[in-house]
C-alpha atoms as a PDB file:
ATOM      1  CA  MET A   1      -1.794   3.533 -25.382  1.00  0.00           C
ATOM      2  CA  ALA A   2       1.029   5.866 -24.300  1.00  0.00           C
ATOM      3  CA  GLY A   3      -1.325   8.856 -24.408  1.00  0.00           C
ATOM      4  CA  VAL A   4      -3.920   7.020 -22.293  1.00  0.00           C
ATOM      5  CA  LEU A   5      -1.288   6.042 -19.733  1.00  0.00           C
ATOM      6  CA  LEU A   6       0.137   9.569 -19.489  1.00  0.00           C
ATOM      7  CA  GLY A   7      -3.296  11.112 -19.063  1.00  0.00           C
ATOM      8  CA  LEU A   8      -4.213   8.675 -16.314  1.00  0.00           C
ATOM      9  CA  LEU A   9      -0.921   9.167 -14.489  1.00  0.00           C
ATOM     10  CA  LEU A  10      -1.244  12.954 -14.545  1.00  0.00           C
ATOM     11  CA  SER A  11      -4.841  12.830 -13.308  1.00  0.00           C
ATOM     12  CA  GLN A  12      -4.032  10.439 -10.459  1.00  0.00           C
ATOM     13  CA  SER A  13      -0.881  12.180  -9.280  1.00  0.00           C
ATOM     14  CA  VAL A  14      -2.809  15.100  -7.768  1.00  0.00           C
ATOM     15  CA  GLN A  15      -5.229  12.958  -5.709  1.00  0.00           C
ATOM     16  CA  PRO A  16      -4.094  12.862  -2.052  1.00  0.00           C
ATOM     17  CA  PRO A  17      -4.776   9.531  -0.333  1.00  0.00           C
ATOM     18  CA  ALA A  18      -7.463   9.701   2.357  1.00  0.00           C
ATOM     19  CA  ARG A  19      -6.748   8.499   5.869  1.00  0.00           C
ATOM     20  CA  ALA A  20      -8.818   6.747   8.509  1.00  0.00           C
ATOM     21  CA  ASP A  21      -8.340   7.458  12.205  1.00  0.00           C
ATOM     22  CA  ASP A  22     -10.594   7.749  15.221  1.00  0.00           C
ATOM     23  CA  GLY A  23      -9.342  10.879  16.957  1.00  0.00           C
ATOM     24  CA  THR A  24      -6.410  13.192  16.352  1.00  0.00           C
ATOM     25  CA  VAL A  25      -3.149  12.401  14.567  1.00  0.00           C
ATOM     26  CA  THR A  26       0.433  13.470  15.286  1.00  0.00           C
ATOM     27  CA  ARG A  27       2.772  14.056  12.354  1.00  0.00           C
ATOM     28  CA  THR A  28       6.554  13.801  12.717  1.00  0.00           C
ATOM     29  CA  THR A  29       8.215  15.521   9.760  1.00  0.00           C
ATOM     30  CA  LEU A  30      11.713  15.216   8.338  1.00  0.00           C
ATOM     31  CA  ALA A  31      13.333  18.560   9.193  1.00  0.00           C
ATOM     32  CA  VAL A  32      16.353  18.460   6.842  1.00  0.00           C
ATOM     33  CA  ASP A  33      16.810  16.769   3.454  1.00  0.00           C
ATOM     34  CA  LYS A  34      18.389  13.321   3.875  1.00  0.00           C
ATOM     35  CA  GLU A  35      20.372  11.506   1.187  1.00  0.00           C
ATOM     36  CA  PHE A  36      20.244   7.724   0.814  1.00  0.00           C
ATOM     37  CA  THR A  37      22.146   5.419  -1.517  1.00  0.00           C
ATOM     38  CA  PRO A  38      21.878   1.766  -2.637  1.00  0.00           C
ATOM     39  CA  GLY A  39      22.148  -0.554   0.341  1.00  0.00           C
ATOM     40  CA  PRO A  40      20.315  -1.049   3.639  1.00  0.00           C
ATOM     41  CA  SER A  41      17.199   0.987   4.327  1.00  0.00           C
ATOM     42  CA  VAL A  42      17.700   4.328   6.093  1.00  0.00           C
ATOM     43  CA  ASN A  43      15.609   5.639   8.993  1.00  0.00           C
ATOM     44  CA  MET A  44      14.128   9.017   8.030  1.00  0.00           C
ATOM     45  CA  VAL A  45      11.835   9.799  10.981  1.00  0.00           C
ATOM     46  CA  SER A  46      10.754   7.887  14.087  1.00  0.00           C
ATOM     47  CA  ARG A  47       8.335   8.205  16.965  1.00  0.00           C
ATOM     48  CA  ASN A  48       8.213   6.561  20.400  1.00  0.00           C
ATOM     49  CA  ILE A  49       4.790   5.241  21.425  1.00  0.00           C
ATOM     50  CA  THR A  50       3.867   3.796  24.839  1.00  0.00           C
ATOM     51  CA  LEU A  51       1.065   1.233  24.591  1.00  0.00           C
ATOM     52  CA  GLN A  52      -0.850  -1.232  26.720  1.00  0.00           C
ATOM     53  CA  THR A  53      -1.201  -4.848  25.637  1.00  0.00           C
ATOM     54  CA  GLY A  54      -3.502  -5.064  22.611  1.00  0.00           C
ATOM     55  CA  GLU A  55      -3.606  -1.311  21.943  1.00  0.00           C
ATOM     56  CA  SER A  56      -3.412  -0.309  18.268  1.00  0.00           C
ATOM     57  CA  ARG A  57      -2.185   2.712  16.356  1.00  0.00           C
ATOM     58  CA  HIS A  58      -2.648   3.565  12.696  1.00  0.00           C
ATOM     59  CA  LEU A  59       0.679   4.686  11.211  1.00  0.00           C
ATOM     60  CA  ARG A  60       0.935   6.423   7.841  1.00  0.00           C
ATOM     61  CA  ALA A  61       4.211   7.252   6.079  1.00  0.00           C
ATOM     62  CA  ARG A  62       4.982   9.525   3.162  1.00  0.00           C
ATOM     63  CA  LEU A  63       8.422   9.426   1.535  1.00  0.00           C
ATOM     64  CA  GLU A  64       9.027  12.145  -1.041  1.00  0.00           C
ATOM     65  CA  ALA A  65      12.359  11.870  -2.861  1.00  0.00           C
ATOM     66  CA  THR A  66      14.366  13.452  -5.637  1.00  0.00           C
ATOM     67  CA  SER A  67      17.115  11.736  -7.625  1.00  0.00           C
ATOM     68  CA  SER A  68      20.665  12.629  -8.623  1.00  0.00           C
ATOM     69  CA  THR A  69      20.331  10.703 -11.897  1.00  0.00           C
ATOM     70  CA  THR A  70      18.101  10.498 -14.944  1.00  0.00           C
ATOM     71  CA  ALA A  71      18.297   6.690 -14.747  1.00  0.00           C
ATOM     72  CA  ILE A  72      15.386   4.574 -13.523  1.00  0.00           C
ATOM     73  CA  VAL A  73      16.062   3.240 -10.004  1.00  0.00           C
ATOM     74  CA  GLY A  74      14.003   1.469  -7.366  1.00  0.00           C
ATOM     75  CA  MET A  75      12.558   3.257  -4.339  1.00  0.00           C
ATOM     76  CA  THR A  76      10.728   1.752  -1.339  1.00  0.00           C
ATOM     77  CA  VAL A  77       9.164   3.206   1.807  1.00  0.00           C
ATOM     78  CA  ARG A  78       8.706   0.976   4.869  1.00  0.00           C
ATOM     79  CA  ILE A  79       7.041   1.372   8.256  1.00  0.00           C
ATOM     80  CA  ARG A  80       8.521  -0.852  10.938  1.00  0.00           C
ATOM     81  CA  CYS A  81       8.332  -0.927  14.740  1.00  0.00           C
ATOM     82  CA  PHE A  82      10.802  -2.091  17.409  1.00  0.00           C
ATOM     83  CA  ASP A  83      10.633  -2.836  21.123  1.00  0.00           C
ATOM     84  CA  VAL A  84      12.958  -1.295  23.721  1.00  0.00           C
ATOM     85  CA  SER A  85      15.624  -3.945  23.019  1.00  0.00           C
ATOM     86  CA  GLY A  86      15.688  -2.986  19.326  1.00  0.00           C
ATOM     87  CA  ALA A  87      13.997  -6.201  18.175  1.00  0.00           C
ATOM     88  CA  PRO A  88      11.488  -5.833  15.321  1.00  0.00           C
ATOM     89  CA  VAL A  89       7.861  -6.317  16.299  1.00  0.00           C
ATOM     90  CA  GLY A  90       4.938  -7.212  14.047  1.00  0.00           C
ATOM     91  CA  ILE A  91       4.509  -6.934  10.319  1.00  0.00           C
ATOM     92  CA  VAL A  92       6.374  -4.388   8.187  1.00  0.00           C
ATOM     93  CA  SER A  93       4.275  -2.372   5.732  1.00  0.00           C
ATOM     94  CA  ALA A  94       5.930  -1.264   2.482  1.00  0.00           C
ATOM     95  CA  SER A  95       5.207   0.402  -0.846  1.00  0.00           C
ATOM     96  CA  GLY A  96       7.547   0.690  -3.831  1.00  0.00           C
ATOM     97  CA  ARG A  97       7.893   2.358  -7.200  1.00  0.00           C
ATOM     98  CA  ASN A  98      10.735   3.103  -9.587  1.00  0.00           C
ATOM     99  CA  HIS A  99      12.004   6.687  -9.453  1.00  0.00           C
ATOM    100  CA  GLU A 100      12.259   7.722 -13.095  1.00  0.00           C
ATOM    101  CA  GLY A 101      14.894  10.432 -12.638  1.00  0.00           C
ATOM    102  CA  TYR A 102      15.291  14.106 -11.839  1.00  0.00           C
ATOM    103  CA  ASP A 103      14.061  15.047 -15.323  1.00  0.00           C
ATOM    104  CA  THR A 104      10.709  13.257 -14.914  1.00  0.00           C
ATOM    105  CA  SER A 105       7.783  15.555 -15.723  1.00  0.00           C
ATOM    106  CA  THR A 106       4.847  13.176 -15.100  1.00  0.00           C
ATOM    107  CA  TYR A 107       4.900  13.603 -11.303  1.00  0.00           C
ATOM    108  CA  ALA A 108       2.719  16.297  -9.702  1.00  0.00           C
ATOM    109  CA  LYS A 109       5.986  18.130  -8.941  1.00  0.00           C
ATOM    110  CA  PRO A 110       8.603  17.340 -11.622  1.00  0.00           C
ATOM    111  CA  GLY A 111      11.361  15.079 -10.285  1.00  0.00           C
ATOM    112  CA  HIS A 112       9.640  14.594  -6.899  1.00  0.00           C
ATOM    113  CA  LEU A 113       8.222  11.095  -6.302  1.00  0.00           C
ATOM    114  CA  PRO A 114       5.989  10.606  -3.220  1.00  0.00           C
ATOM    115  CA  ILE A 115       5.062   7.112  -1.978  1.00  0.00           C
ATOM    116  CA  TYR A 116       2.661   6.298   0.887  1.00  0.00           C
ATOM    117  CA  ALA A 117       2.371   3.283   3.187  1.00  0.00           C
ATOM    118  CA  ASP A 118       0.003   2.407   6.063  1.00  0.00           C
ATOM    119  CA  LEU A 119       0.340   0.067   9.033  1.00  0.00           C
ATOM    120  CA  LEU A 120      -1.969  -0.963  11.852  1.00  0.00           C
ATOM    121  CA  PHE A 121       0.429  -1.684  14.721  1.00  0.00           C
ATOM    122  CA  THR A 122      -0.928  -3.630  17.710  1.00  0.00           C
ATOM    123  CA  ALA A 123       1.206  -3.987  20.839  1.00  0.00           C
ATOM    124  CA  PRO A 124       1.791  -7.630  21.825  1.00  0.00           C
ATOM    125  CA  ALA A 125       2.731  -6.502  25.349  1.00  0.00           C
ATOM    126  CA  ALA A 126       2.675  -3.320  27.398  1.00  0.00           C
ATOM    127  CA  GLY A 127       5.685  -1.095  26.840  1.00  0.00           C
ATOM    128  CA  ARG A 128       7.376   1.534  24.709  1.00  0.00           C
ATOM    129  CA  TYR A 129       7.820   0.994  20.979  1.00  0.00           C
ATOM    130  CA  THR A 130       9.728   2.958  18.384  1.00  0.00           C
ATOM    131  CA  CYS A 131       8.103   3.104  14.952  1.00  0.00           C
ATOM    132  CA  GLY A 132       9.893   4.616  11.995  1.00  0.00           C
ATOM    133  CA  LEU A 133       9.737   5.458   8.312  1.00  0.00           C
ATOM    134  CA  PHE A 134      12.583   3.842   6.372  1.00  0.00           C
ATOM    135  CA  GLY A 135      13.616   4.532   2.782  1.00  0.00           C
ATOM    136  CA  SER A 136      15.729   2.433   0.433  1.00  0.00           C
ATOM    137  CA  THR A 137      16.892   2.479  -3.181  1.00  0.00           C
ATOM    138  CA  TYR A 138      18.334  -0.155  -5.517  1.00  0.00           C
ATOM    139  CA  ALA A 139      19.263  -0.579  -9.166  1.00  0.00           C
ATOM    140  CA  SER A 140      20.755  -3.312 -11.314  1.00  0.00           C
ATOM    141  CA  SER A 141      22.281  -0.896 -13.819  1.00  0.00           C
ATOM    142  CA  ALA A 142      23.944   1.723 -11.613  1.00  0.00           C
ATOM    143  CA  SER A 143      25.344   2.303  -8.123  1.00  0.00           C
ATOM    144  CA  ASP A 144      26.866   5.792  -8.362  1.00  0.00           C
ATOM    145  CA  TYR A 145      23.688   7.736  -7.602  1.00  0.00           C
ATOM    146  CA  SER A 146      21.618   8.847  -4.636  1.00  0.00           C
ATOM    147  CA  LEU A 147      18.057   9.703  -3.764  1.00  0.00           C
ATOM    148  CA  THR A 148      17.216  12.502  -1.347  1.00  0.00           C
ATOM    149  CA  ALA A 149      14.271  12.436   1.042  1.00  0.00           C
ATOM    150  CA  VAL A 150      12.683  15.879   0.934  1.00  0.00           C
ATOM    151  CA  ALA A 151      12.249  17.775   4.196  1.00  0.00           C
ATOM    152  CA  GLY A 152       8.636  18.708   4.885  1.00  0.00           C
ATOM    153  CA  GLY A 153       7.322  16.269   2.292  1.00  0.00           C
ATOM    154  CA  THR A 154       8.597  13.213   4.179  1.00  0.00           C
ATOM    155  CA  TRP A 155       6.705  12.378   7.354  1.00  0.00           C
ATOM    156  CA  LEU A 156       5.311   9.722   9.684  1.00  0.00           C
ATOM    157  CA  GLU A 157       1.837  10.072  11.194  1.00  0.00           C
ATOM    158  CA  SER A 158       0.419   8.180  14.165  1.00  0.00           C
ATOM    159  CA  SER A 159      -3.068   8.164  15.622  1.00  0.00           C
ATOM    160  CA  ASP A 160      -2.983   9.613  19.143  1.00  0.00           C
ATOM    161  CA  ARG A 161      -5.327   7.150  20.788  1.00  0.00           C
ATOM    162  CA  ASN A 162      -6.090   3.465  20.701  1.00  0.00           C
ATOM    163  CA  GLN A 163      -7.841   2.406  17.485  1.00  0.00           C
ATOM    164  CA  LYS A 164     -10.071   0.041  19.441  1.00  0.00           C
ATOM    165  CA  GLY A 165     -11.092  -3.087  17.552  1.00  0.00           C
ATOM    166  CA  ALA A 166      -9.514  -1.967  14.266  1.00  0.00           C
ATOM    167  CA  GLY A 167      -9.095  -4.664  11.613  1.00  0.00           C
ATOM    168  CA  TRP A 168      -6.097  -5.512   9.419  1.00  0.00           C
ATOM    169  CA  TRP A 169      -6.096  -7.381   6.095  1.00  0.00           C
ATOM    170  CA  GLN A 170      -3.149  -8.626   4.053  1.00  0.00           C
ATOM    171  CA  ASN A 171      -2.954 -10.920   1.041  1.00  0.00           C
ATOM    172  CA  PRO A 172      -0.827 -14.099   0.724  1.00  0.00           C
ATOM    173  CA  ALA A 173       2.895 -14.465   0.118  1.00  0.00           C
ATOM    174  CA  CYS A 174       4.190 -13.081  -3.187  1.00  0.00           C
ATOM    175  CA  GLU A 175       7.938 -12.711  -3.455  1.00  0.00           C
ATOM    176  CA  SER A 176       9.664 -10.031  -5.516  1.00  0.00           C
ATOM    177  CA  ASP A 177      11.118 -12.769  -7.736  1.00  0.00           C
ATOM    178  CA  ASP A 178       8.064 -14.967  -8.313  1.00  0.00           C
ATOM    179  CA  ARG A 179       9.855 -17.968  -9.763  1.00  0.00           C
ATOM    180  CA  GLY A 180       7.276 -20.326  -8.312  1.00  0.00           C
ATOM    181  CA  GLY A 181       4.314 -18.495  -9.841  1.00  0.00           C
ATOM    182  CA  LEU A 182       2.557 -18.193  -6.471  1.00  0.00           C
ATOM    183  CA  CYS A 183       1.378 -14.597  -6.912  1.00  0.00           C
ATOM    184  CA  THR A 184      -2.008 -13.437  -8.195  1.00  0.00           C
ATOM    185  CA  TYR A 185      -1.968 -12.025 -11.750  1.00  0.00           C
ATOM    186  CA  VAL A 186      -4.576 -10.277 -13.882  1.00  0.00           C
ATOM    187  CA  GLY A 187      -4.200  -9.871 -17.630  1.00  0.00           C
ATOM    188  CA  GLN A 188      -4.279 -11.859 -20.836  1.00  0.00           C
ATOM    189  CA  GLY A 189      -2.893 -15.290 -21.727  1.00  0.00           C
ATOM    190  CA  ALA A 190      -2.086 -17.360 -18.643  1.00  0.00           C
ATOM    191  CA  ALA A 191      -3.477 -14.774 -16.216  1.00  0.00           C
ATOM    192  CA  ASN A 192      -7.082 -14.385 -15.085  1.00  0.00           C
ATOM    193  CA  PRO A 193      -8.975 -11.325 -16.382  1.00  0.00           C
ATOM    194  CA  ASP A 194      -9.806 -10.223 -12.844  1.00  0.00           C
ATOM    195  CA  ALA A 195      -9.396 -11.102  -9.168  1.00  0.00           C
ATOM    196  CA  PHE A 196     -10.778 -10.177  -5.752  1.00  0.00           C
ATOM    197  CA  VAL A 197      -7.947  -9.299  -3.353  1.00  0.00           C
ATOM    198  CA  PHE A 198      -8.585 -10.438   0.261  1.00  0.00           C
ATOM    199  CA  TYR A 199     -11.401 -12.666  -1.062  1.00  0.00           C
ATOM    200  CA  ASN A 200     -10.599 -15.247  -3.785  1.00  0.00           C
ATOM    201  CA  ASP A 201      -6.822 -14.775  -4.092  1.00  0.00           C
ATOM    202  CA  GLY A 202      -5.887 -17.301  -1.420  1.00  0.00           C
ATOM    203  CA  SER A 203      -6.283 -14.823   1.447  1.00  0.00           C
ATOM    204  CA  PRO A 204      -7.577 -16.306   4.704  1.00  0.00           C
ATOM    205  CA  SER A 205     -11.295 -15.670   5.216  1.00  0.00           C
ATOM    206  CA  ARG A 206     -11.558 -12.435   7.188  1.00  0.00           C
ATOM    207  CA  ARG A 207     -14.781 -11.069   8.640  1.00  0.00           C
ATOM    208  CA  TRP A 208     -14.491  -7.997  10.812  1.00  0.00           C
ATOM    209  CA  THR A 209     -17.139  -6.876  13.302  1.00  0.00           C
ATOM    210  CA  ALA A 210     -17.595  -3.195  14.101  1.00  0.00           C
ATOM    211  CA  ASP A 211     -17.517  -2.287  17.779  1.00  0.00           C
ATOM    212  CA  PRO A 212     -21.003  -2.156  19.405  1.00  0.00           C
ATOM    213  CA  ALA A 213     -20.475   1.515  20.303  1.00  0.00           C
ATOM    214  CA  ALA A 214     -19.146   2.619  16.882  1.00  0.00           C
ATOM    215  CA  VAL A 215     -21.388   4.925  14.850  1.00  0.00           C
ATOM    216  CA  SER A 216     -19.598   4.494  11.523  1.00  0.00           C
ATOM    217  CA  VAL A 217     -16.614   2.808   9.881  1.00  0.00           C
ATOM    218  CA  ASP A 218     -13.669   4.059   7.811  1.00  0.00           C
ATOM    219  CA  VAL A 219     -11.761   1.662   5.549  1.00  0.00           C
ATOM    220  CA  LEU A 220      -8.567   2.082   3.566  1.00  0.00           C
ATOM    221  CA  ALA A 221      -6.497  -0.227   1.410  1.00  0.00           C
ATOM    222  CA  ASN A 222      -3.179  -0.069  -0.413  1.00  0.00           C
ATOM    223  CA  ILE A 223      -2.632  -2.399  -3.358  1.00  0.00           C
ATOM    224  CA  GLU A 224       0.818  -2.782  -4.926  1.00  0.00           C
ATOM    225  CA  LEU A 225       0.849  -3.596  -8.644  1.00  0.00           C
ATOM    226  CA  THR A 226       3.789  -4.681 -10.837  1.00  0.00           C
ATOM    227  CA  THR A 227       3.804  -4.795 -14.646  1.00  0.00           C
ATOM    228  CA  CYS A 228       5.156  -7.943 -16.338  1.00  0.00           C
ATOM    229  CA  PRO A 229       7.017  -7.005 -19.551  1.00  0.00           C
ATOM    230  CA  VAL A 230       9.034  -9.642 -21.389  1.00  0.00           C
ATOM    231  CA  GLY A 231      12.283 -10.329 -19.536  1.00  0.00           C
ATOM    232  CA  THR A 232      11.336  -8.976 -16.100  1.00  0.00           C
ATOM    233  CA  ALA A 233      12.536 -10.950 -13.101  1.00  0.00           C
ATOM    234  CA  SER A 234       9.553  -9.725 -11.072  1.00  0.00           C
ATOM    235  CA  CYS A 235       6.970 -12.042 -12.664  1.00  0.00           C
ATOM    236  CA  ALA A 236       6.710 -15.701 -13.551  1.00  0.00           C
ATOM    237  CA  ALA A 237       7.923 -16.192 -17.146  1.00  0.00           C
ATOM    238  CA  VAL A 238       4.556 -17.542 -18.295  1.00  0.00           C
ATOM    239  CA  MET A 239       3.016 -14.152 -17.444  1.00  0.00           C
ATOM    240  CA  HIS A 240       5.258 -12.155 -19.853  1.00  0.00           C
ATOM    241  CA  ASP A 241       3.062 -10.893 -22.721  1.00  0.00           C
ATOM    242  CA  PHE A 242       4.561  -7.779 -24.364  1.00  0.00           C
ATOM    243  CA  PRO A 243       7.975  -6.110 -24.725  1.00  0.00           C
ATOM    244  CA  ARG A 244       8.847  -3.326 -22.303  1.00  0.00           C
ATOM    245  CA  GLY A 245       7.114  -0.015 -22.996  1.00  0.00           C
ATOM    246  CA  VAL A 246       3.472  -1.083 -23.267  1.00  0.00           C
ATOM    247  CA  GLY A 247       2.436  -0.491 -19.646  1.00  0.00           C
ATOM    248  CA  SER A 248      -0.892  -1.522 -18.175  1.00  0.00           C
ATOM    249  CA  VAL A 249      -4.303  -0.182 -17.186  1.00  0.00           C
ATOM    250  CA  VAL A 250      -6.517  -1.821 -14.543  1.00  0.00           C
ATOM    251  CA  ASP A 251      -9.799  -0.946 -12.861  1.00  0.00           C
ATOM    252  CA  LEU A 252      -9.813  -1.120  -9.053  1.00  0.00           C
ATOM    253  CA  ARG A 253     -12.932  -1.261  -6.908  1.00  0.00           C
ATOM    254  CA  LEU A 254     -12.567  -1.186  -3.119  1.00  0.00           C
ATOM    255  CA  GLN A 255     -15.657  -2.717  -1.519  1.00  0.00           C
ATOM    256  CA  SER A 256     -16.788  -2.695   2.112  1.00  0.00           C
ATOM    257  CA  ILE A 257     -19.676  -5.153   2.464  1.00  0.00           C
ATOM    258  CA  GLN A 258     -21.907  -5.339   5.524  1.00  0.00           C
ATOM    259  CA  LEU A 259     -23.287  -8.852   5.913  1.00  0.00           C
ATOM    260  CA  ASP A 260     -26.758 -10.044   6.893  1.00  0.00           C
ATOM    261  CA  THR A 261     -27.563 -12.798   9.385  1.00  0.00           C
ATOM    262  CA  THR A 262     -27.080 -15.493   6.715  1.00  0.00           C
ATOM    263  CA  GLY A 263     -23.564 -14.264   5.875  1.00  0.00           C
ATOM    264  CA  HIS A 264     -24.629 -12.745   2.557  1.00  0.00           C
ATOM    265  CA  THR A 265     -24.368  -9.158   1.290  1.00  0.00           C
ATOM    266  CA  CYS A 266     -26.701  -6.670   2.946  1.00  0.00           C
ATOM    267  CA  ARG A 267     -25.133  -3.322   1.974  1.00  0.00           C
ATOM    268  CA  THR A 268     -22.091  -2.452  -0.148  1.00  0.00           C
ATOM    269  CA  HIS A 269     -20.024   0.746  -0.166  1.00  0.00           C
ATOM    270  CA  GLU A 270     -17.320   1.086  -2.811  1.00  0.00           C
ATOM    271  CA  GLN A 271     -14.705   3.338  -4.387  1.00  0.00           C
ATOM    272  CA  TYR A 272     -13.696   3.008  -8.033  1.00  0.00           C
ATOM    273  CA  VAL A 273     -10.314   4.017  -9.518  1.00  0.00           C
ATOM    274  CA  ARG A 274      -8.806   3.412 -12.958  1.00  0.00           C
ATOM    275  CA  LYS A 275      -5.069   2.878 -12.464  1.00  0.00           C
ATOM    276  CA  ALA A 276      -2.294   3.128 -15.054  1.00  0.00           C
ATOM    277  CA  VAL A 277       1.184   1.713 -14.444  1.00  0.00           C
ATOM    278  CA  THR A 278       4.002   2.315 -16.922  1.00  0.00           C
ATOM    279  CA  ASP A 279       6.810  -0.179 -17.416  1.00  0.00           C
ATOM    280  CA  ASP A 280       9.259   2.525 -16.313  1.00  0.00           C
ATOM    281  CA  ALA A 281       7.464   2.906 -12.975  1.00  0.00           C
ATOM    282  CA  HIS A 282       7.107  -0.925 -13.020  1.00  0.00           C
ATOM    283  CA  HIS A 283       5.704  -0.996  -9.470  1.00  0.00           C
ATOM    284  CA  SER A 284       2.964   1.324  -8.279  1.00  0.00           C
ATOM    285  CA  VAL A 285       0.750   1.433  -5.207  1.00  0.00           C
ATOM    286  CA  ALA A 286      -2.881   2.534  -5.373  1.00  0.00           C
ATOM    287  CA  ASN A 287      -4.157   4.170  -2.164  1.00  0.00           C
ATOM    288  CA  LEU A 288      -7.894   3.619  -1.695  1.00  0.00           C
ATOM    289  CA  ALA A 289     -10.265   4.734   1.078  1.00  0.00           C
ATOM    290  CA  ILE A 290     -13.955   5.044   1.987  1.00  0.00           C
ATOM    291  CA  ALA A 291     -14.883   7.242   4.964  1.00  0.00           C
ATOM    292  CA  GLY A 292     -18.037   7.474   7.041  1.00  0.00           C
ATOM    293  CA  ILE A 293     -19.653   4.122   6.244  1.00  0.00           C
ATOM    294  CA  ASP A 294     -22.875   3.910   8.222  1.00  0.00           C
ATOM    295  CA  ILE A 295     -23.602   0.694  10.118  1.00  0.00           C
ATOM    296  CA  ALA A 296     -27.096  -0.362   9.073  1.00  0.00           C
ATOM    297  CA  SER A 297     -29.160  -1.839  11.898  1.00  0.00           C
ATOM    298  CA  THR A 298     -31.478  -3.435   9.330  1.00  0.00           C
ATOM    299  CA  CYS A 299     -28.709  -5.877   8.310  1.00  0.00           C
ATOM    300  CA  GLY A 300     -28.991  -7.689  11.628  1.00  0.00           C
ATOM    301  CA  THR A 301     -25.186  -7.889  12.113  1.00  0.00           C
ATOM    302  CA  ARG A 302     -22.234  -5.509  12.390  1.00  0.00           C
ATOM    303  CA  ALA A 303     -19.999  -7.870  10.394  1.00  0.00           C
ATOM    304  CA  PHE A 304     -18.090  -6.615   7.350  1.00  0.00           C
ATOM    305  CA  VAL A 305     -15.957  -8.038   4.551  1.00  0.00           C
ATOM    306  CA  MET A 306     -13.369  -5.956   2.694  1.00  0.00           C
ATOM    307  CA  ARG A 307     -12.196  -6.819  -0.808  1.00  0.00           C
ATOM    308  CA  ILE A 308     -10.650  -5.145  -3.862  1.00  0.00           C
ATOM    309  CA  HIS A 309     -11.838  -6.117  -7.318  1.00  0.00           C
ATOM    310  CA  VAL A 310      -8.979  -5.832  -9.842  1.00  0.00           C
ATOM    311  CA  LYS A 311      -9.946  -5.990 -13.526  1.00  0.00           C
ATOM    312  CA  HIS A 312      -7.407  -5.930 -16.343  1.00  0.00           C
ATOM    313  CA  ILE A 313      -8.303  -3.377 -19.030  1.00  0.00           C
ATOM    314  CA  GLU A 314      -5.338  -3.342 -21.417  1.00  0.00           C
ATOM    315  CA  GLY A 315      -1.598  -3.808 -21.753  1.00  0.00           C
ATOM    316  CA  GLN A 316       0.785  -5.916 -19.716  1.00  0.00           C
ATOM    317  CA  THR A 317      -0.289  -8.576 -17.292  1.00  0.00           C
ATOM    318  CA  VAL A 318      -0.114  -7.184 -13.743  1.00  0.00           C
ATOM    319  CA  LYS A 319       1.143  -8.946 -10.629  1.00  0.00           C
ATOM    320  CA  ILE A 320      -0.606  -8.151  -7.337  1.00  0.00           C
ATOM    321  CA  ASP A 321       2.217  -7.986  -4.808  1.00  0.00           C
ATOM    322  CA  GLY A 322       1.787  -9.586  -1.380  1.00  0.00           C
ATOM    323  CA  VAL A 323       3.770 -10.526   1.705  1.00  0.00           C
ATOM    324  CA  GLN A 324       7.512 -10.803   1.058  1.00  0.00           C
ATOM    325  CA  GLY A 325       9.986 -12.679   3.232  1.00  0.00           C
ATOM    326  CA  GLY A 326       7.209 -13.657   5.609  1.00  0.00           C
ATOM    327  CA  ALA A 327       7.245 -10.238   7.274  1.00  0.00           C
ATOM    328  CA  THR A 328       6.724  -7.389   4.785  1.00  0.00           C
ATOM    329  CA  SER A 329       3.232  -6.590   3.499  1.00  0.00           C
ATOM    330  CA  LEU A 330       2.855  -4.677   0.223  1.00  0.00           C
ATOM    331  CA  THR A 331      -0.927  -5.010  -0.177  1.00  0.00           C
ATOM    332  CA  ASN A 332      -3.083  -4.450   2.887  1.00  0.00           C
ATOM    333  CA  GLY A 333      -6.250  -2.947   4.328  1.00  0.00           C
ATOM    334  CA  ILE A 334      -7.449  -1.357   7.573  1.00  0.00           C
ATOM    335  CA  ALA A 335     -10.934  -0.879   9.055  1.00  0.00           C
ATOM    336  CA  ILE A 336     -11.374   1.734  11.788  1.00  0.00           C
ATOM    337  CA  ASN A 337     -14.259   2.148  14.233  1.00  0.00           C
ATOM    338  CA  ARG A 338     -15.517   5.731  14.433  1.00  0.00           C
ATOM    339  CA  TYR A 339     -17.247   6.814  17.641  1.00  0.00           C
ATOM    340  CA  SER A 340     -18.326  10.315  16.645  1.00  0.00           C
END
């Protein structure tokens, strides 16, 4: 299985995530390398945005980091927004993965780990907001190390105009330490062989209607996966199947389904990805996207459902991470109206 995992990781590492925005995008890039150590998250780049009530912006973050150690340590990128008083506003979007050390050769650029996150931010009131990319690191086995955010490769993007009527999906609560077994798992033994994220995983029913003037739709989704080797604190004990080192392979299928007048499937657009996650990486986000989905008039509605089918193929049981602490989303989706 190690050879299968390595081959999949190398093939996926060179695939840049697609993005969905109606209109132009502004990128704010980290100008100078910035070191961060275990502890509170560190602001890497920020942007001020002035919005009217109900206006939305799509924010995308990329944190690229190197490590001072060969040890495996945690790394997380977050997008969070604040009002003029400094109070946090809205949901925080995050993605995480273990950095496997400066000697790691399985990344597209040896030793350089990039992680992406996306957020649809909607202003609850008119005013100026500051949205930023934050990086953090953590480890149970070491504290005398640092990660370094790489200038040029670390950036925050924001759509330049209102993403009118855009939709946001997120799955239910799933804490990092799932002692209560509330998370969704796919795998062998006690887990289900597959699941539909945003659909039959406890997510609230979410139908999204494309704007009457939109000519097409873009969708994207980020799904955070965690392997469950024996002894990990990240998964319920009943979900531990194999000793550390086995890793996991899952098939992911992002589906955007236009509904008919009876609420059933009329047309389906989908993207398929086979995803490998090693036990060293432990956490890994898959970035999925489908662009230019036509809105079929023959369906009789402009209503859509988004879901991600996750099917376990081999190896460890996998946890599908969700909202942590009531405010941080690790698995989410966005639908964007396109007007041209």
